[in-house]
Every structure is written in structure tokens, then in C-alpha cells.
Protein backbone atom coordinates (compact mmCIF):
# COMPACT_ATOMS: atom_id res chain seq x y z
CA MET A 1 115.53 117.39 100.57
CA THR A 2 113.31 117.00 103.61
CA ILE A 3 111.24 119.67 105.35
CA LYS A 4 113.76 119.62 108.21
CA GLU A 5 116.70 120.21 105.85
CA LEU A 6 114.89 123.11 104.18
CA GLN A 7 114.04 124.58 107.57
CA ASN A 8 117.70 124.33 108.64
CA ILE A 9 118.82 126.29 105.55
CA LEU A 10 116.32 129.06 106.27
CA GLU A 11 117.28 129.18 109.96
CA GLU A 12 120.97 129.47 109.00
CA VAL A 13 120.19 132.41 106.70
CA LYS A 14 118.15 134.04 109.47
CA SER A 15 120.95 133.62 112.02
CA GLY A 16 123.69 134.75 109.62
CA LYS A 17 125.46 131.39 109.52
CA LYS A 18 124.71 131.07 105.82
CA SER A 19 124.61 133.83 103.22
CA VAL A 20 121.72 134.33 100.80
CA TYR A 21 124.08 133.27 97.99
CA GLU A 22 124.97 130.02 99.80
CA ALA A 23 121.29 129.32 100.37
CA LEU A 24 120.56 129.91 96.70
CA GLU A 25 123.32 127.48 95.75
CA ALA A 26 121.83 124.86 98.08
CA LEU A 27 118.35 125.42 96.63
CA LYS A 28 119.38 125.81 92.99
CA TYR A 29 118.23 122.33 92.07
CA PHE A 30 115.58 122.10 94.77
CA PRO A 31 112.56 121.50 92.46
CA TYR A 32 114.20 119.01 90.08
CA THR A 33 117.31 118.16 88.09
CA ASP A 34 116.83 117.97 84.31
CA LEU A 35 118.86 115.15 82.75
CA GLY A 36 117.20 115.46 79.36
CA PHE A 37 115.81 111.92 79.47
CA ALA A 38 114.49 112.34 83.03
CA ARG A 39 113.69 115.13 85.47
CA ILE A 40 114.53 114.04 89.00
CA ASP A 41 111.94 115.31 91.48
CA HIS A 42 113.80 116.51 94.58
CA HIS A 43 110.66 118.12 96.00
CA ARG A 44 108.73 114.85 96.38
CA GLU A 45 109.89 114.00 99.90
CA ILE A 46 108.55 117.31 101.20
CA ARG A 47 105.19 116.72 99.46
CA THR A 48 104.70 113.04 100.23
CA GLY A 49 107.16 112.11 102.99
CA TYR A 50 109.16 109.83 100.65
CA PRO A 51 111.82 110.65 98.04
CA GLU A 52 111.25 109.73 94.40
CA ILE A 53 111.61 106.00 93.76
CA VAL A 54 113.05 104.84 90.44
CA TYR A 55 111.06 102.49 88.20
CA CYS A 56 113.94 100.90 86.29
CA ALA A 57 112.09 98.72 83.76
CA GLY A 58 112.17 100.25 80.28
CA LYS A 59 115.18 102.41 81.08
CA THR A 60 118.67 101.74 79.77
CA VAL A 61 121.49 100.73 82.07
CA ASP A 62 123.20 104.10 81.56
CA GLN A 63 119.98 105.99 82.35
CA VAL A 64 119.50 104.09 85.61
CA LYS A 65 123.12 104.67 86.57
CA GLU A 66 122.88 108.43 85.94
CA ILE A 67 119.57 108.76 87.81
CA PHE A 68 121.07 107.00 90.84
CA ARG A 69 124.16 109.22 90.67
CA VAL A 70 122.12 112.44 90.76
CA MET A 71 119.72 111.25 93.46
CA THR A 72 122.54 110.05 95.69
CA GLU A 73 124.19 113.48 95.51
CA LYS A 74 121.26 114.79 97.55
CA ASP A 75 122.09 112.37 100.40
CA ASN A 76 118.75 110.62 100.11
CA ASN A 77 118.21 106.92 100.50
CA VAL A 78 117.66 105.78 96.93
CA PHE A 79 116.05 102.67 95.59
CA GLY A 80 114.86 101.44 92.25
CA THR A 81 112.29 98.76 91.43
CA ARG A 82 112.15 96.22 88.57
CA ALA A 83 115.91 96.43 88.13
CA ASP A 84 117.99 93.68 86.55
CA VAL A 85 121.48 92.52 87.52
CA ASN A 86 123.14 94.57 84.75
CA MET A 87 121.58 97.74 86.14
CA PHE A 88 122.76 96.83 89.62
CA GLU A 89 126.34 96.19 88.45
CA ALA A 90 126.38 99.59 86.74
CA VAL A 91 125.14 101.35 89.87
CA ARG A 92 127.55 99.39 92.09
CA SER A 93 130.48 100.46 89.87
CA ILE A 94 130.07 104.01 91.22
CA PHE A 95 128.42 103.17 94.56
CA PRO A 96 130.03 100.03 96.06
CA GLU A 97 127.62 100.16 99.01
CA SER A 98 124.68 99.36 96.73
CA VAL A 99 122.56 96.35 97.64
CA TYR A 100 120.59 94.18 95.23
CA TYR A 101 117.55 92.21 96.38
CA ASN A 102 117.44 89.48 93.76
CA GLU A 103 113.89 88.16 94.19
CA ALA A 104 112.43 91.63 94.66
CA ARG A 105 114.54 93.05 91.78
CA ILE A 106 115.27 96.16 93.85
CA ILE A 107 118.49 98.21 94.04
CA SER A 108 119.04 100.15 97.27
CA ILE A 109 121.58 102.71 98.44
CA LYS A 110 121.38 103.75 102.08
CA LYS A 111 122.67 107.27 102.77
CA LYS A 112 120.97 107.98 106.08
CA GLU A 113 119.16 106.15 108.84
CA ILE A 114 115.39 105.95 108.66
CA GLU A 115 113.10 105.68 111.68
CA ILE A 116 111.58 102.21 111.99
CA SER A 117 107.90 101.99 112.87
CA ASP A 118 106.83 100.22 116.05
CA THR A 119 104.05 98.34 114.28
CA SER A 120 104.43 95.74 111.54
CA ILE A 121 103.11 94.86 108.10
CA ALA A 122 102.19 91.26 107.24
CA VAL A 123 102.94 90.02 103.74
CA ILE A 124 101.10 86.79 102.89
CA THR A 125 101.27 84.77 99.68
CA ALA A 126 98.93 82.10 98.44
CA GLY A 127 101.77 80.13 96.86
CA THR A 128 105.53 79.94 96.48
CA SER A 129 105.22 81.19 92.89
CA ASP A 130 103.90 84.50 94.27
CA ILE A 131 107.06 85.18 96.29
CA PRO A 132 108.81 87.48 93.76
CA VAL A 133 105.89 89.92 93.93
CA ALA A 134 105.72 89.47 97.70
CA GLU A 135 109.40 90.28 98.06
CA GLU A 136 108.94 93.46 96.04
CA ALA A 137 106.23 94.46 98.53
CA ALA A 138 108.16 93.35 101.62
CA VAL A 139 111.49 94.94 100.66
CA THR A 140 109.74 98.16 99.63
CA ALA A 141 108.05 98.34 103.04
CA GLU A 142 111.32 97.61 104.84
CA LEU A 143 113.26 100.23 102.90
CA LEU A 144 110.57 102.76 103.84
CA GLY A 145 111.08 102.02 107.54
CA ASN A 146 108.67 99.23 108.43
CA LYS A 147 108.98 95.88 110.15
CA VAL A 148 107.62 93.06 107.97
CA VAL A 149 106.24 89.65 108.88
CA ARG A 150 106.48 87.23 105.94
CA ILE A 151 104.01 84.34 105.69
CA TYR A 152 104.48 82.46 102.42
CA ASP A 153 102.57 79.58 100.81
CA ALA A 154 99.40 79.84 102.88
CA GLY A 155 96.74 79.64 100.17
CA VAL A 156 93.17 78.37 100.27
CA ALA A 157 94.10 74.88 99.02
CA GLY A 158 95.46 74.28 102.53
CA ILE A 159 93.79 76.90 104.69
CA HIS A 160 95.14 75.40 107.95
CA ARG A 161 98.52 76.89 106.96
CA LEU A 162 96.96 80.33 107.25
CA VAL A 163 94.99 79.66 110.42
CA ASP A 164 98.17 78.62 112.24
CA LYS A 165 99.60 82.08 111.58
CA LEU A 166 96.56 84.16 112.54
CA PRO A 167 97.99 85.33 115.89
CA GLU A 168 101.04 86.79 114.08
CA ILE A 169 98.86 88.37 111.39
CA LYS A 170 96.52 89.97 113.93
CA ASN A 171 99.49 91.62 115.65
CA CYS A 172 100.26 93.54 112.46
CA ARG A 173 98.69 96.87 111.58
CA VAL A 174 98.32 96.27 107.83
CA VAL A 175 98.08 93.06 105.80
CA ILE A 176 99.24 92.59 102.21
CA VAL A 177 97.77 89.50 100.53
CA ILE A 178 99.34 88.29 97.29
CA ALA A 179 97.68 85.62 95.17
CA GLY A 180 97.30 84.42 91.61
CA MET A 181 94.91 81.79 90.21
CA GLU A 182 91.44 82.99 91.34
CA GLY A 183 92.79 85.32 94.06
CA ALA A 184 90.55 83.89 96.79
CA LEU A 185 93.03 84.35 99.64
CA ALA A 186 92.36 88.09 99.92
CA SER A 187 88.67 87.48 100.70
CA VAL A 188 89.53 84.81 103.27
CA VAL A 189 92.02 87.03 105.10
CA GLY A 190 89.69 90.02 104.88
CA GLY A 191 87.04 88.01 106.70
CA LEU A 192 89.38 86.99 109.52
CA VAL A 193 91.16 90.18 110.57
CA ASP A 194 90.21 93.69 111.68
CA LYS A 195 93.07 95.29 109.71
CA PRO A 196 93.14 96.96 106.28
CA VAL A 197 93.96 94.36 103.62
CA ILE A 198 95.82 95.34 100.46
CA ALA A 199 95.33 92.67 97.82
CA VAL A 200 97.84 92.09 95.03
CA PRO A 201 96.69 89.89 92.13
CA THR A 202 99.55 88.11 90.40
CA SER A 203 99.93 86.76 86.89
CA VAL A 204 100.51 83.27 88.32
CA GLY A 205 98.05 80.73 86.91
CA TYR A 206 96.99 78.63 83.94
CA GLY A 207 95.43 79.95 80.72
CA ALA A 208 92.03 80.97 82.08
CA ASN A 209 93.86 83.12 84.61
CA PHE A 210 94.43 85.52 81.68
CA GLY A 211 97.74 86.77 83.06
CA GLY A 212 96.25 87.81 86.39
CA ILE A 213 92.87 89.12 85.22
CA SER A 214 90.94 86.37 87.04
CA ALA A 215 92.72 87.15 90.33
CA LEU A 216 92.23 90.89 89.80
CA LEU A 217 88.49 90.51 89.19
CA GLY A 218 88.12 88.08 92.09
CA MET A 219 89.77 90.56 94.46
CA LEU A 220 87.81 93.52 93.11
CA THR A 221 84.54 91.66 93.67
CA SER A 222 85.51 90.42 97.15
CA CYS A 223 82.63 90.27 99.60
CA SER A 224 85.01 90.95 102.51
CA SER A 225 84.95 94.55 103.68
CA GLY A 226 88.22 96.42 103.96
CA VAL A 227 89.96 94.80 100.98
CA THR A 228 91.68 97.27 98.64
CA VAL A 229 93.23 96.09 95.38
CA VAL A 230 96.34 97.26 93.49
CA ASN A 231 97.34 96.36 89.96
CA ILE A 232 98.51 92.95 88.78
CA ASP A 233 102.00 92.08 90.11
CA ASN A 234 102.29 95.53 91.73
CA GLY A 235 104.15 94.55 94.88
CA PHE A 236 105.75 97.98 95.07
CA GLY A 237 102.39 99.76 95.12
CA ALA A 238 101.17 97.52 97.92
CA GLY A 239 104.32 97.97 99.99
CA PHE A 240 104.25 101.76 99.57
CA SER A 241 100.55 102.06 100.49
CA ALA A 242 100.97 99.73 103.47
CA SER A 243 103.86 101.87 104.70
CA MET A 244 101.76 105.02 104.54
CA ILE A 245 98.98 103.33 106.56
CA ASN A 246 101.39 101.80 109.05
CA LYS A 247 103.03 105.16 109.76
CA MET A 248 99.83 107.12 110.28
CA LYS A 249 99.63 108.57 113.80
């Protein structure tokens, strides 16, 4: 439920179009719905501007299906991250309009139109192997109402590939940089643009990469100002934060 929807209910009670009982029925599950294994937070959109987003990893197929069913009843746009194909098929069995973004591993159900921002978010990867995390970031940003410019495989081993795209990058309001190995691309981009840079270390790399730790530490110790770092492989976190920045007035 959005602030506007809550306001409409109260206005209808005030004008006599809706009884107090009808309003109570509409608000009965306003704070959350208790499913036993999960409590769905219907109040989150009013607090944060975005409805609750489902983290599907670690949940069973039936749990994901039931969570989507309850959230869709509230006429919200619903999406879940880190979902596999089996989860998607289960959700699609009750919601045929469901969409699955294979590389991003995101399930989406669109119930209402969302306003698209005028400004864009750039999503840049160092290598092709970073694309799954990049797609999680890009699709998240798009589902939250942002235009996204994708620039893939532009790492420091061939920096001319990045330089060619600088005019496009500089036209964006926020930049997400995704890199494994030593994570150097975030520092390079941070030193070339006057935009906030959200760096995403990935677990891509050989043994001394330590599953993304080397990229994480490299980004955390960046000498470029304006670089903020999210967790390893956390494309969703980057996309969500970039959306909040991009939509600031």
C-alpha cells in the first residue's frame, strides 16, 4: 500500500463513500501478513518508497510461490532476486504474466505502471564473467523505474574500451561499476567522472582473489573520491541504492 492509497481510503471515510468497517477491512493486513514462515511487510513502501522485495535463495519453491501470491493480492509490483527456474515455474503456474530474467535470476510481476526517471544509471563491468551480477543490478534498477545504460567488458586490461564510452557514462546520474580480480575498474571510473560510483566486487578471479575478497579490499581502499562499495556479488544492493540516488529531487 502506498501513501496515496492510504490517503484515498481516509478521504473516502471522511466523505462517506466508505464506511469505517470497510476501511478497517482494507487496513486489516496493512502492517504485515503472517504466513508462519514469513511475515510480509506491506508497510515498507510507505516507509521507503519501495515495496518489499523477495530474496528467494534459501527459500523453498512453495514458500516463494506463497509469498508472491500474498504480495500480488495487494496490487503491488512484485519481484524476487536470486530465484531459480523452478521457483519461476511455480510462480508462473498461478501468475502467467510473470517474467523471468535468466542472467539476473529475477522473477517479476507487473501489476501497475511505475514512473520512469528522466535520468539514467550506467552499469559497467570489467569483464564478461561479471555480467550475471551486472544484470541483477541493471534489472533491479529498471524494475524500480530507471533507465539503464549497459557497458560490458570494459576493464583495465583494455582501458580504451572504457574511454570510448565516457560520453555515455557522463550523461548518467549514477554509475555502478562491477569487477572481480583486483577490482581496479572502480578506482579508474571514480577518477574520470563527477558522479557517485557504486562499486560491486565480484567473486570472479583465480585463487588469490579469495572469492571476491581481493576485489572488495581493492574497492574499499580506492583512492578515488566518491566510490561507495557494496558486498561481494550484491548487484541487487547496487541497483537499489543507485535507484534511490537517481530519483532524488
